[in-house]
């Protein structure tokens, strides 16, 4: 791993020591690649992903816009899936990324979709 990835991993592990998800209040985990963004709701007690959304999903990928705009749609899509499962709250895990840009857009989209964190 290069220095940048190592640093992000150390930050990510520090966050994971503090943030944990349950079945009632799952962890909203964000992964950002150069081209896409992925978000999932995770129950850490059982080690299960409850819902997931990404910019590769057909309904999101069909939209035109910047990567930040698509990230907001990913957050909204995840919120829709969460409400369908009866979940209203979660804890946000920024995954070692700065809470800025695409990561913030996912959080904003999820909040507008009805998730509280």
PDB file of N, CA and C in Angstrom:
ATOM      1  N   UNK A   1       0.843  -1.193   0.000  1.00  0.00           N
ATOM      2  CA  UNK A   1       0.000   0.000   0.000  1.00  0.00           C
ATOM      3  C   UNK A   1       0.880   1.247   0.000  1.00  0.00           C
ATOM      4  N   UNK A   2       0.429   2.249  -0.717  1.00  0.00           N
ATOM      5  CA  UNK A   2       1.163   3.500  -0.693  1.00  0.00           C
ATOM      6  C   UNK A   2       0.830   4.268   0.587  1.00  0.00           C
ATOM      7  N   UNK A   3       1.519   5.363   0.797  1.00  0.00           N
ATOM      8  CA  UNK A   3       1.372   6.124   2.042  1.00  0.00           C
ATOM      9  C   UNK A   3      -0.046   6.647   2.232  1.00  0.00           C
ATOM     10  N   UNK A   4      -0.677   7.075   1.131  1.00  0.00           N
ATOM     11  CA  UNK A   4      -2.022   7.639   1.225  1.00  0.00           C
ATOM     12  C   UNK A   4      -3.031   6.576   1.667  1.00  0.00           C
ATOM     13  N   UNK A   5      -2.944   5.389   1.082  1.00  0.00           N
ATOM     14  CA  UNK A   5      -3.866   4.303   1.438  1.00  0.00           C
ATOM     15  C   UNK A   5      -3.625   3.828   2.862  1.00  0.00           C
ATOM     16  N   UNK A   6      -2.353   3.782   3.274  1.00  0.00           N
ATOM     17  CA  UNK A   6      -2.024   3.363   4.636  1.00  0.00           C
ATOM     18  C   UNK A   6      -2.607   4.346   5.645  1.00  0.00           C
ATOM     19  N   UNK A   7      -2.477   5.628   5.348  1.00  0.00           N
ATOM     20  CA  UNK A   7      -3.017   6.663   6.237  1.00  0.00           C
ATOM     21  C   UNK A   7      -4.534   6.543   6.339  1.00  0.00           C
ATOM     22  N   UNK A   8      -5.214   6.368   5.202  1.00  0.00           N
ATOM     23  CA  UNK A   8      -6.669   6.230   5.218  1.00  0.00           C
ATOM     24  C   UNK A   8      -7.089   5.013   6.021  1.00  0.00           C
ATOM     25  N   UNK A   9      -6.327   3.920   5.884  1.00  0.00           N
ATOM     26  CA  UNK A   9      -6.657   2.690   6.613  1.00  0.00           C
ATOM     27  C   UNK A   9      -6.519   2.883   8.118  1.00  0.00           C
ATOM     28  N   UNK A  10      -5.483   3.609   8.552  1.00  0.00           N
ATOM     29  CA  UNK A  10      -5.299   3.869   9.989  1.00  0.00           C
ATOM     30  C   UNK A  10      -6.437   4.725  10.527  1.00  0.00           C
ATOM     31  N   UNK A  11      -6.840   5.748   9.757  1.00  0.00           N
ATOM     32  CA  UNK A  11      -7.971   6.590  10.161  1.00  0.00           C
ATOM     33  C   UNK A  11      -9.245   5.753  10.213  1.00  0.00           C
ATOM     34  N   UNK A  12      -9.430   4.887   9.194  1.00  0.00           N
ATOM     35  CA  UNK A  12     -10.620   4.038   9.097  1.00  0.00           C
ATOM     36  C   UNK A  12     -10.729   3.114  10.313  1.00  0.00           C
ATOM     37  N   UNK A  13      -9.616   2.532  10.718  1.00  0.00           N
ATOM     38  CA  UNK A  13      -9.625   1.632  11.873  1.00  0.00           C
ATOM     39  C   UNK A  13      -9.933   2.382  13.161  1.00  0.00           C
ATOM     40  N   UNK A  14      -9.460   3.630  13.270  1.00  0.00           N
ATOM     41  CA  UNK A  14      -9.787   4.456  14.432  1.00  0.00           C
ATOM     42  C   UNK A  14     -11.268   4.756  14.500  1.00  0.00           C
ATOM     43  N   UNK A  15     -11.863   5.018  13.350  1.00  0.00           N
ATOM     44  CA  UNK A  15     -13.304   5.277  13.288  1.00  0.00           C
ATOM     45  C   UNK A  15     -14.068   4.017  13.673  1.00  0.00           C
ATOM     46  N   UNK A  16     -13.611   2.863  13.171  1.00  0.00           N
ATOM     47  CA  UNK A  16     -14.309   1.600  13.414  1.00  0.00           C
ATOM     48  C   UNK A  16     -14.265   1.184  14.883  1.00  0.00           C
ATOM     49  N   UNK A  17     -13.264   1.661  15.639  1.00  0.00           N
ATOM     50  CA  UNK A  17     -13.235   1.362  17.072  1.00  0.00           C
ATOM     51  C   UNK A  17     -14.353   2.090  17.800  1.00  0.00           C
ATOM     52  N   UNK A  18     -14.755   3.243  17.267  1.00  0.00           N
ATOM     53  CA  UNK A  18     -15.790   4.055  17.909  1.00  0.00           C
ATOM     54  C   UNK A  18     -17.179   3.788  17.354  1.00  0.00           C
ATOM     55  N   UNK A  19     -17.268   3.422  16.064  1.00  0.00           N
ATOM     56  CA  UNK A  19     -18.561   3.306  15.376  1.00  0.00           C
ATOM     57  C   UNK A  19     -18.889   1.847  15.123  1.00  0.00           C
ATOM     58  N   UNK A  20     -20.070   1.423  15.576  1.00  0.00           N
ATOM     59  CA  UNK A  20     -20.506   0.057  15.337  1.00  0.00           C
ATOM     60  C   UNK A  20     -22.008   0.047  15.096  1.00  0.00           C
ATOM     61  N   UNK A  21     -22.464  -0.840  14.230  1.00  0.00           N
ATOM     62  CA  UNK A  21     -23.875  -0.881  13.883  1.00  0.00           C
ATOM     63  C   UNK A  21     -24.588  -2.073  14.492  1.00  0.00           C
ATOM     64  N   UNK A  22     -25.871  -1.898  14.767  1.00  0.00           N
ATOM     65  CA  UNK A  22     -26.712  -2.985  15.260  1.00  0.00           C
ATOM     66  C   UNK A  22     -27.841  -3.205  14.254  1.00  0.00           C
ATOM     67  N   UNK A  23     -28.698  -4.179  14.534  1.00  0.00           N
ATOM     68  CA  UNK A  23     -29.805  -4.457  13.622  1.00  0.00           C
ATOM     69  C   UNK A  23     -30.788  -3.287  13.589  1.00  0.00           C
ATOM     70  N   UNK A  24     -31.002  -2.601  14.759  1.00  0.00           N
ATOM     71  CA  UNK A  24     -31.934  -1.479  14.808  1.00  0.00           C
ATOM     72  C   UNK A  24     -31.284  -0.189  14.312  1.00  0.00           C
ATOM     73  N   UNK A  25     -29.971  -0.045  14.553  1.00  0.00           N
ATOM     74  CA  UNK A  25     -29.249   1.161  14.159  1.00  0.00           C
ATOM     75  C   UNK A  25     -27.972   0.754  13.431  1.00  0.00           C
ATOM     76  N   UNK A  26     -28.090   0.419  12.131  1.00  0.00           N
ATOM     77  CA  UNK A  26     -26.936  -0.095  11.389  1.00  0.00           C
ATOM     78  C   UNK A  26     -25.909   0.999  11.070  1.00  0.00           C
ATOM     79  N   UNK A  27     -24.749   0.560  10.643  1.00  0.00           N
ATOM     80  CA  UNK A  27     -23.666   1.463  10.262  1.00  0.00           C
ATOM     81  C   UNK A  27     -23.762   1.737   8.766  1.00  0.00           C
ATOM     82  N   UNK A  28     -23.798   3.020   8.386  1.00  0.00           N
ATOM     83  CA  UNK A  28     -23.822   3.398   6.978  1.00  0.00           C
ATOM     84  C   UNK A  28     -22.364   3.581   6.556  1.00  0.00           C
ATOM     85  N   UNK A  29     -21.840   2.586   5.856  1.00  0.00           N
ATOM     86  CA  UNK A  29     -20.447   2.582   5.448  1.00  0.00           C
ATOM     87  C   UNK A  29     -20.326   3.069   4.012  1.00  0.00           C
ATOM     88  N   UNK A  30     -19.332   3.941   3.763  1.00  0.00           N
ATOM     89  CA  UNK A  30     -19.126   4.519   2.440  1.00  0.00           C
ATOM     90  C   UNK A  30     -17.757   4.099   1.909  1.00  0.00           C
ATOM     91  N   UNK A  31     -17.730   3.654   0.658  1.00  0.00           N
ATOM     92  CA  UNK A  31     -16.460   3.403  -0.029  1.00  0.00           C
ATOM     93  C   UNK A  31     -16.447   4.209  -1.310  1.00  0.00           C
ATOM     94  N   UNK A  32     -15.360   4.918  -1.523  1.00  0.00           N
ATOM     95  CA  UNK A  32     -15.238   5.804  -2.677  1.00  0.00           C
ATOM     96  C   UNK A  32     -14.074   5.341  -3.539  1.00  0.00           C
ATOM     97  N   UNK A  33     -14.371   4.967  -4.782  1.00  0.00           N
ATOM     98  CA  UNK A  33     -13.293   4.670  -5.731  1.00  0.00           C
ATOM     99  C   UNK A  33     -13.146   5.883  -6.640  1.00  0.00           C
ATOM    100  N   UNK A  34     -12.201   5.838  -7.564  1.00  0.00           N
ATOM    101  CA  UNK A  34     -12.010   6.986  -8.451  1.00  0.00           C
ATOM    102  C   UNK A  34     -13.239   7.245  -9.316  1.00  0.00           C
ATOM    103  N   UNK A  35     -13.931   6.175  -9.726  1.00  0.00           N
ATOM    104  CA  UNK A  35     -15.051   6.346 -10.647  1.00  0.00           C
ATOM    105  C   UNK A  35     -16.417   6.197  -9.988  1.00  0.00           C
ATOM    106  N   UNK A  36     -16.528   5.388  -8.956  1.00  0.00           N
ATOM    107  CA  UNK A  36     -17.831   5.072  -8.373  1.00  0.00           C
ATOM    108  C   UNK A  36     -17.838   5.296  -6.875  1.00  0.00           C
ATOM    109  N   UNK A  37     -19.037   5.204  -6.292  1.00  0.00           N
ATOM    110  CA  UNK A  37     -19.182   5.285  -4.843  1.00  0.00           C
ATOM    111  C   UNK A  37     -20.171   4.211  -4.403  1.00  0.00           C
ATOM    112  N   UNK A  38     -19.887   3.589  -3.276  1.00  0.00           N
ATOM    113  CA  UNK A  38     -20.681   2.486  -2.760  1.00  0.00           C
ATOM    114  C   UNK A  38     -21.067   2.800  -1.327  1.00  0.00           C
ATOM    115  N   UNK A  39     -22.296   2.457  -0.940  1.00  0.00           N
ATOM    116  CA  UNK A  39     -22.747   2.663   0.431  1.00  0.00           C
ATOM    117  C   UNK A  39     -23.536   1.441   0.862  1.00  0.00           C
ATOM    118  N   UNK A  40     -23.350   1.031   2.110  1.00  0.00           N
ATOM    119  CA  UNK A  40     -24.126  -0.100   2.616  1.00  0.00           C
ATOM    120  C   UNK A  40     -24.469   0.093   4.083  1.00  0.00           C
ATOM    121  N   UNK A  41     -25.602  -0.479   4.474  1.00  0.00           N
ATOM    122  CA  UNK A  41     -26.022  -0.493   5.867  1.00  0.00           C
ATOM    123  C   UNK A  41     -25.627  -1.842   6.453  1.00  0.00           C
ATOM    124  N   UNK A  42     -24.829  -1.821   7.508  1.00  0.00           N
ATOM    125  CA  UNK A  42     -24.240  -3.044   8.035  1.00  0.00           C
ATOM    126  C   UNK A  42     -24.635  -3.249   9.492  1.00  0.00           C
ATOM    127  N   UNK A  43     -25.070  -4.469   9.810  1.00  0.00           N
ATOM    128  CA  UNK A  43     -25.302  -4.892  11.186  1.00  0.00           C
ATOM    129  C   UNK A  43     -24.033  -5.604  11.639  1.00  0.00           C
ATOM    130  N   UNK A  44     -23.206  -4.919  12.450  1.00  0.00           N
ATOM    131  CA  UNK A  44     -21.916  -5.478  12.859  1.00  0.00           C
ATOM    132  C   UNK A  44     -22.052  -6.605  13.878  1.00  0.00           C
ATOM    133  N   UNK A  45     -23.150  -6.629  14.631  1.00  0.00           N
ATOM    134  CA  UNK A  45     -23.336  -7.705  15.607  1.00  0.00           C
ATOM    135  C   UNK A  45     -23.425  -9.068  14.928  1.00  0.00           C
ATOM    136  N   UNK A  46     -24.140  -9.119  13.798  1.00  0.00           N
ATOM    137  CA  UNK A  46     -24.303 -10.376  13.069  1.00  0.00           C
ATOM    138  C   UNK A  46     -23.413 -10.454  11.835  1.00  0.00           C
ATOM    139  N   UNK A  47     -22.703  -9.376  11.525  1.00  0.00           N
ATOM    140  CA  UNK A  47     -21.833  -9.362  10.352  1.00  0.00           C
ATOM    141  C   UNK A  47     -22.609  -9.483   9.052  1.00  0.00           C
ATOM    142  N   UNK A  48     -23.721  -8.736   8.935  1.00  0.00           N
ATOM    143  CA  UNK A  48     -24.617  -8.854   7.787  1.00  0.00           C
ATOM    144  C   UNK A  48     -24.833  -7.479   7.160  1.00  0.00           C
ATOM    145  N   UNK A  49     -24.823  -7.436   5.829  1.00  0.00           N
ATOM    146  CA  UNK A  49     -25.194  -6.218   5.115  1.00  0.00           C
ATOM    147  C   UNK A  49     -26.708  -6.231   4.926  1.00  0.00           C
ATOM    148  N   UNK A  50     -27.375  -5.209   5.452  1.00  0.00           N
ATOM    149  CA  UNK A  50     -28.837  -5.139   5.394  1.00  0.00           C
ATOM    150  C   UNK A  50     -29.323  -4.540   4.073  1.00  0.00           C
ATOM    151  N   UNK A  51     -28.616  -3.538   3.573  1.00  0.00           N
ATOM    152  CA  UNK A  51     -28.987  -2.895   2.309  1.00  0.00           C
ATOM    153  C   UNK A  51     -27.741  -2.266   1.703  1.00  0.00           C
ATOM    154  N   UNK A  52     -27.728  -2.174   0.382  1.00  0.00           N
ATOM    155  CA  UNK A  52     -26.575  -1.585  -0.298  1.00  0.00           C
ATOM    156  C   UNK A  52     -27.044  -0.807  -1.522  1.00  0.00           C
ATOM    157  N   UNK A  53     -26.255   0.193  -1.883  1.00  0.00           N
ATOM    158  CA  UNK A  53     -26.519   0.970  -3.089  1.00  0.00           C
ATOM    159  C   UNK A  53     -25.182   1.471  -3.621  1.00  0.00           C
ATOM    160  N   UNK A  54     -25.116   1.643  -4.922  1.00  0.00           N
ATOM    161  CA  UNK A  54     -23.883   2.172  -5.509  1.00  0.00           C
ATOM    162  C   UNK A  54     -24.206   2.958  -6.763  1.00  0.00           C
ATOM    163  N   UNK A  55     -23.210   3.664  -7.260  1.00  0.00           N
ATOM    164  CA  UNK A  55     -23.396   4.437  -8.484  1.00  0.00           C
ATOM    165  C   UNK A  55     -23.432   3.528  -9.702  1.00  0.00           C
ATOM    166  N   UNK A  56     -23.227   2.226  -9.507  1.00  0.00           N
ATOM    167  CA  UNK A  56     -23.325   1.267 -10.605  1.00  0.00           C
ATOM    168  C   UNK A  56     -24.734   0.689 -10.740  1.00  0.00           C
ATOM    169  N   UNK A  57     -25.601   0.928  -9.738  1.00  0.00           N
ATOM    170  CA  UNK A  57     -26.980   0.456  -9.822  1.00  0.00           C
ATOM    171  C   UNK A  57     -27.652   1.067 -11.050  1.00  0.00           C
ATOM    172  N   UNK A  58     -28.532   0.296 -11.672  1.00  0.00           N
ATOM    173  CA  UNK A  58     -29.124   0.730 -12.944  1.00  0.00           C
ATOM    174  C   UNK A  58     -29.878   2.053 -12.843  1.00  0.00           C
ATOM    175  N   UNK A  59     -30.657   2.239 -11.757  1.00  0.00           N
ATOM    176  CA  UNK A  59     -31.436   3.467 -11.637  1.00  0.00           C
ATOM    177  C   UNK A  59     -30.552   4.692 -11.425  1.00  0.00           C
ATOM    178  N   UNK A  60     -29.407   4.517 -10.758  1.00  0.00           N
ATOM    179  CA  UNK A  60     -28.491   5.639 -10.531  1.00  0.00           C
ATOM    180  C   UNK A  60     -27.607   5.867 -11.746  1.00  0.00           C
ATOM    181  N   UNK A  61     -27.089   4.784 -12.341  1.00  0.00           N
ATOM    182  CA  UNK A  61     -26.190   4.902 -13.486  1.00  0.00           C
ATOM    183  C   UNK A  61     -26.896   5.511 -14.703  1.00  0.00           C
ATOM    184  N   UNK A  62     -28.230   5.358 -14.777  1.00  0.00           N
ATOM    185  CA  UNK A  62     -28.979   5.908 -15.903  1.00  0.00           C
ATOM    186  C   UNK A  62     -29.044   7.431 -15.840  1.00  0.00           C
ATOM    187  N   UNK A  63     -28.829   7.996 -14.645  1.00  0.00           N
ATOM    188  CA  UNK A  63     -28.887   9.452 -14.480  1.00  0.00           C
ATOM    189  C   UNK A  63     -27.615  10.092 -15.025  1.00  0.00           C
ATOM    190  N   UNK A  64     -27.752  11.305 -15.494  1.00  0.00           N
ATOM    191  CA  UNK A  64     -26.599  12.077 -15.924  1.00  0.00           C
ATOM    192  C   UNK A  64     -26.258  13.093 -14.835  1.00  0.00           C
ATOM    193  N   UNK A  65     -24.979  13.333 -14.639  1.00  0.00           N
ATOM    194  CA  UNK A  65     -24.568  14.325 -13.658  1.00  0.00           C
ATOM    195  C   UNK A  65     -23.136  14.103 -13.225  1.00  0.00           C
ATOM    196  N   UNK A  66     -22.680  14.975 -12.349  1.00  0.00           N
ATOM    197  CA  UNK A  66     -21.320  14.835 -11.837  1.00  0.00           C
ATOM    198  C   UNK A  66     -21.273  13.685 -10.834  1.00  0.00           C
ATOM    199  N   UNK A  67     -20.062  13.302 -10.454  1.00  0.00           N
ATOM    200  CA  UNK A  67     -19.917  12.218  -9.490  1.00  0.00           C
ATOM    201  C   UNK A  67     -20.546  12.591  -8.148  1.00  0.00           C
ATOM    202  N   UNK A  68     -20.487  13.874  -7.792  1.00  0.00           N
ATOM    203  CA  UNK A  68     -21.084  14.327  -6.536  1.00  0.00           C
ATOM    204  C   UNK A  68     -22.604  14.227  -6.598  1.00  0.00           C
ATOM    205  N   UNK A  69     -23.194  14.592  -7.727  1.00  0.00           N
ATOM    206  CA  UNK A  69     -24.651  14.495  -7.875  1.00  0.00           C
ATOM    207  C   UNK A  69     -25.101  13.044  -7.826  1.00  0.00           C
ATOM    208  N   UNK A  70     -24.330  12.154  -8.467  1.00  0.00           N
ATOM    209  CA  UNK A  70     -24.664  10.729  -8.424  1.00  0.00           C
ATOM    210  C   UNK A  70     -24.537  10.186  -7.008  1.00  0.00           C
ATOM    211  N   UNK A  71     -23.562  10.694  -6.247  1.00  0.00           N
ATOM    212  CA  UNK A  71     -23.377  10.260  -4.864  1.00  0.00           C
ATOM    213  C   UNK A  71     -24.602  10.592  -4.025  1.00  0.00           C
ATOM    214  N   UNK A  72     -25.200  11.745  -4.280  1.00  0.00           N
ATOM    215  CA  UNK A  72     -26.408  12.136  -3.553  1.00  0.00           C
ATOM    216  C   UNK A  72     -27.551  11.183  -3.878  1.00  0.00           C
ATOM    217  N   UNK A  73     -27.634  10.763  -5.155  1.00  0.00           N
ATOM    218  CA  UNK A  73     -28.657   9.794  -5.553  1.00  0.00           C
ATOM    219  C   UNK A  73     -28.429   8.437  -4.884  1.00  0.00           C
ATOM    220  N   UNK A  74     -27.164   8.047  -4.701  1.00  0.00           N
ATOM    221  CA  UNK A  74     -26.837   6.789  -4.021  1.00  0.00           C
ATOM    222  C   UNK A  74     -27.339   6.840  -2.583  1.00  0.00           C
ATOM    223  N   UNK A  75     -27.110   7.967  -1.904  1.00  0.00           N
ATOM    224  CA  UNK A  75     -27.598   8.129  -0.532  1.00  0.00           C
ATOM    225  C   UNK A  75     -29.111   8.037  -0.457  1.00  0.00           C
ATOM    226  N   UNK A  76     -29.793   8.659  -1.411  1.00  0.00           N
ATOM    227  CA  UNK A  76     -31.257   8.631  -1.430  1.00  0.00           C
ATOM    228  C   UNK A  76     -31.764   7.219  -1.711  1.00  0.00           C
ATOM    229  N   UNK A  77     -31.091   6.498  -2.623  1.00  0.00           N
ATOM    230  CA  UNK A  77     -31.488   5.125  -2.941  1.00  0.00           C
ATOM    231  C   UNK A  77     -31.327   4.223  -1.725  1.00  0.00           C
ATOM    232  N   UNK A  78     -30.240   4.410  -0.983  1.00  0.00           N
ATOM    233  CA  UNK A  78     -30.001   3.605   0.220  1.00  0.00           C
ATOM    234  C   UNK A  78     -31.059   3.914   1.276  1.00  0.00           C
ATOM    235  N   UNK A  79     -31.440   5.187   1.392  1.00  0.00           N
ATOM    236  CA  UNK A  79     -32.475   5.573   2.358  1.00  0.00           C
ATOM    237  C   UNK A  79     -33.820   4.929   2.010  1.00  0.00           C
ATOM    238  N   UNK A  80     -34.137   4.872   0.708  1.00  0.00           N
ATOM    239  CA  UNK A  80     -35.387   4.211   0.290  1.00  0.00           C
ATOM    240  C   UNK A  80     -35.371   2.738   0.688  1.00  0.00           C
ATOM    241  N   UNK A  81     -34.246   2.062   0.454  1.00  0.00           N
ATOM    242  CA  UNK A  81     -34.145   0.645   0.813  1.00  0.00           C
ATOM    243  C   UNK A  81     -34.242   0.461   2.318  1.00  0.00           C
ATOM    244  N   UNK A  82     -33.666   1.393   3.077  1.00  0.00           N
ATOM    245  CA  UNK A  82     -33.692   1.308   4.539  1.00  0.00           C
ATOM    246  C   UNK A  82     -35.113   1.476   5.067  1.00  0.00           C
ATOM    247  N   UNK A  83     -35.847   2.447   4.527  1.00  0.00           N
ATOM    248  CA  UNK A  83     -37.218   2.658   4.999  1.00  0.00           C
ATOM    249  C   UNK A  83     -38.102   1.474   4.623  1.00  0.00           C
ATOM    250  N   UNK A  84     -37.797   0.823   3.502  1.00  0.00           N
ATOM    251  CA  UNK A  84     -38.548  -0.381   3.122  1.00  0.00           C
ATOM    252  C   UNK A  84     -38.305  -1.497   4.137  1.00  0.00           C
ATOM    253  N   UNK A  85     -37.130  -1.501   4.754  1.00  0.00           N
ATOM    254  CA  UNK A  85     -36.818  -2.492   5.793  1.00  0.00           C
ATOM    255  C   UNK A  85     -37.299  -2.040   7.173  1.00  0.00           C
ATOM    256  N   UNK A  86     -37.832  -0.823   7.259  1.00  0.00           N
ATOM    257  CA  UNK A  86     -38.324  -0.313   8.532  1.00  0.00           C
ATOM    258  C   UNK A  86     -37.241   0.336   9.378  1.00  0.00           C
ATOM    259  N   UNK A  87     -36.137   0.753   8.773  1.00  0.00           N
ATOM    260  CA  UNK A  87     -35.051   1.405   9.503  1.00  0.00           C
ATOM    261  C   UNK A  87     -35.152   2.917   9.331  1.00  0.00           C
ATOM    262  N   UNK A  88     -35.000   3.645  10.432  1.00  0.00           N
ATOM    263  CA  UNK A  88     -35.057   5.104  10.352  1.00  0.00           C
ATOM    264  C   UNK A  88     -33.760   5.758  10.804  1.00  0.00           C
ATOM    265  N   UNK A  89     -32.964   5.068  11.619  1.00  0.00           N
ATOM    266  CA  UNK A  89     -31.728   5.660  12.127  1.00  0.00           C
ATOM    267  C   UNK A  89     -30.535   4.800  11.754  1.00  0.00           C
ATOM    268  N   UNK A  90     -29.377   5.437  11.694  1.00  0.00           N
ATOM    269  CA  UNK A  90     -28.128   4.721  11.442  1.00  0.00           C
ATOM    270  C   UNK A  90     -26.979   5.547  11.997  1.00  0.00           C
ATOM    271  N   UNK A  91     -25.788   4.957  12.005  1.00  0.00           N
ATOM    272  CA  UNK A  91     -24.582   5.694  12.368  1.00  0.00           C
ATOM    273  C   UNK A  91     -23.722   5.794  11.113  1.00  0.00           C
ATOM    274  N   UNK A  92     -23.114   6.953  10.881  1.00  0.00           N
ATOM    275  CA  UNK A  92     -22.378   7.197   9.645  1.00  0.00           C
ATOM    276  C   UNK A  92     -20.910   6.828   9.826  1.00  0.00           C
ATOM    277  N   UNK A  93     -20.400   6.045   8.886  1.00  0.00           N
ATOM    278  CA  UNK A  93     -18.983   5.646   8.875  1.00  0.00           C
ATOM    279  C   UNK A  93     -18.374   6.195   7.591  1.00  0.00           C
ATOM    280  N   UNK A  94     -17.567   7.234   7.723  1.00  0.00           N
ATOM    281  CA  UNK A  94     -17.002   7.887   6.538  1.00  0.00           C
ATOM    282  C   UNK A  94     -15.844   7.097   5.939  1.00  0.00           C
ATOM    283  N   UNK A  95     -15.436   6.025   6.559  1.00  0.00           N
ATOM    284  CA  UNK A  95     -14.465   5.111   5.980  1.00  0.00           C
ATOM    285  C   UNK A  95     -13.068   5.681   5.808  1.00  0.00           C
ATOM    286  N   UNK A  96     -12.695   6.655   6.625  1.00  0.00           N
ATOM    287  CA  UNK A  96     -11.361   7.231   6.524  1.00  0.00           C
ATOM    288  C   UNK A  96     -11.255   8.377   5.545  1.00  0.00           C
ATOM    289  N   UNK A  97     -12.344   8.654   4.829  1.00  0.00           N
ATOM    290  CA  UNK A  97     -12.346   9.782   3.903  1.00  0.00           C
ATOM    291  C   UNK A  97     -12.759  11.042   4.658  1.00  0.00           C
ATOM    292  N   UNK A  98     -12.377  12.203   4.137  1.00  0.00           N
ATOM    293  CA  UNK A  98     -12.841  13.451   4.722  1.00  0.00           C
ATOM    294  C   UNK A  98     -14.342  13.586   4.486  1.00  0.00           C
ATOM    295  N   UNK A  99     -15.044  14.164   5.461  1.00  0.00           N
ATOM    296  CA  UNK A  99     -16.483  14.400   5.309  1.00  0.00           C
ATOM    297  C   UNK A  99     -16.647  15.630   4.428  1.00  0.00           C
ATOM    298  N   UNK A 100     -16.564  15.385   3.115  1.00  0.00           N
ATOM    299  CA  UNK A 100     -16.462  16.481   2.153  1.00  0.00           C
ATOM    300  C   UNK A 100     -16.755  15.904   0.776  1.00  0.00           C
ATOM    301  N   UNK A 101     -17.338  16.688  -0.093  1.00  0.00           N
ATOM    302  CA  UNK A 101     -17.515  16.248  -1.468  1.00  0.00           C
ATOM    303  C   UNK A 101     -18.471  15.086  -1.616  1.00  0.00           C
ATOM    304  N   UNK A 102     -17.990  13.998  -2.233  1.00  0.00           N
ATOM    305  CA  UNK A 102     -18.861  12.857  -2.539  1.00  0.00           C
ATOM    306  C   UNK A 102     -19.336  12.137  -1.286  1.00  0.00           C
ATOM    307  N   UNK A 103     -18.490  12.047  -0.259  1.00  0.00           N
ATOM    308  CA  UNK A 103     -18.879  11.375   0.984  1.00  0.00           C
ATOM    309  C   UNK A 103     -19.990  12.172   1.669  1.00  0.00           C
ATOM    310  N   UNK A 104     -19.844  13.490   1.703  1.00  0.00           N
ATOM    311  CA  UNK A 104     -20.871  14.355   2.289  1.00  0.00           C
ATOM    312  C   UNK A 104     -22.165  14.278   1.473  1.00  0.00           C
ATOM    313  N   UNK A 105     -22.034  14.149   0.143  1.00  0.00           N
ATOM    314  CA  UNK A 105     -23.216  14.073  -0.714  1.00  0.00           C
ATOM    315  C   UNK A 105     -24.024  12.809  -0.428  1.00  0.00           C
ATOM    316  N   UNK A 106     -23.350  11.686  -0.155  1.00  0.00           N
ATOM    317  CA  UNK A 106     -24.053  10.454   0.205  1.00  0.00           C
ATOM    318  C   UNK A 106     -24.835  10.672   1.504  1.00  0.00           C
ATOM    319  N   UNK A 107     -24.193  11.304   2.490  1.00  0.00           N
ATOM    320  CA  UNK A 107     -24.854  11.559   3.774  1.00  0.00           C
ATOM    321  C   UNK A 107     -26.059  12.490   3.595  1.00  0.00           C
ATOM    322  N   UNK A 108     -25.887  13.535   2.792  1.00  0.00           N
ATOM    323  CA  UNK A 108     -26.984  14.475   2.555  1.00  0.00           C
ATOM    324  C   UNK A 108     -28.159  13.795   1.854  1.00  0.00           C
ATOM    325  N   UNK A 109     -27.845  12.950   0.851  1.00  0.00           N
ATOM    326  CA  UNK A 109     -28.890  12.228   0.147  1.00  0.00           C
ATOM    327  C   UNK A 109     -29.648  11.272   1.053  1.00  0.00           C
ATOM    328  N   UNK A 110     -28.908  10.616   1.956  1.00  0.00           N
ATOM    329  CA  UNK A 110     -29.547   9.683   2.891  1.00  0.00           C
ATOM    330  C   UNK A 110     -30.438  10.438   3.876  1.00  0.00           C
ATOM    331  N   UNK A 111     -29.973  11.599   4.331  1.00  0.00           N
ATOM    332  CA  UNK A 111     -30.783  12.409   5.248  1.00  0.00           C
ATOM    333  C   UNK A 111     -32.067  12.883   4.574  1.00  0.00           C
ATOM    334  N   UNK A 112     -31.936  13.344   3.329  1.00  0.00           N
ATOM    335  CA  UNK A 112     -33.123  13.815   2.610  1.00  0.00           C
ATOM    336  C   UNK A 112     -34.078  12.666   2.326  1.00  0.00           C
ATOM    337  N   UNK A 113     -33.545  11.437   2.212  1.00  0.00           N
ATOM    338  CA  UNK A 113     -34.385  10.267   1.995  1.00  0.00           C
ATOM    339  C   UNK A 113     -35.083   9.785   3.246  1.00  0.00           C
ATOM    340  N   UNK A 114     -34.730  10.355   4.395  1.00  0.00           N
ATOM    341  CA  UNK A 114     -35.437  10.004   5.641  1.00  0.00           C
ATOM    342  C   UNK A 114     -34.613   9.319   6.693  1.00  0.00           C
ATOM    343  N   UNK A 115     -33.348   9.007   6.425  1.00  0.00           N
ATOM    344  CA  UNK A 115     -32.505   8.399   7.456  1.00  0.00           C
ATOM    345  C   UNK A 115     -32.014   9.474   8.429  1.00  0.00           C
ATOM    346  N   UNK A 116     -31.937   9.114   9.707  1.00  0.00           N
ATOM    347  CA  UNK A 116     -31.452  10.052  10.725  1.00  0.00           C
ATOM    348  C   UNK A 116     -30.144   9.540  11.286  1.00  0.00           C
ATOM    349  N   UNK A 117     -29.144  10.424  11.345  1.00  0.00           N
ATOM    350  CA  UNK A 117     -27.876  10.092  12.006  1.00  0.00           C
ATOM    351  C   UNK A 117     -27.161  11.367  12.414  1.00  0.00           C
TER     352      UNK A 117
END
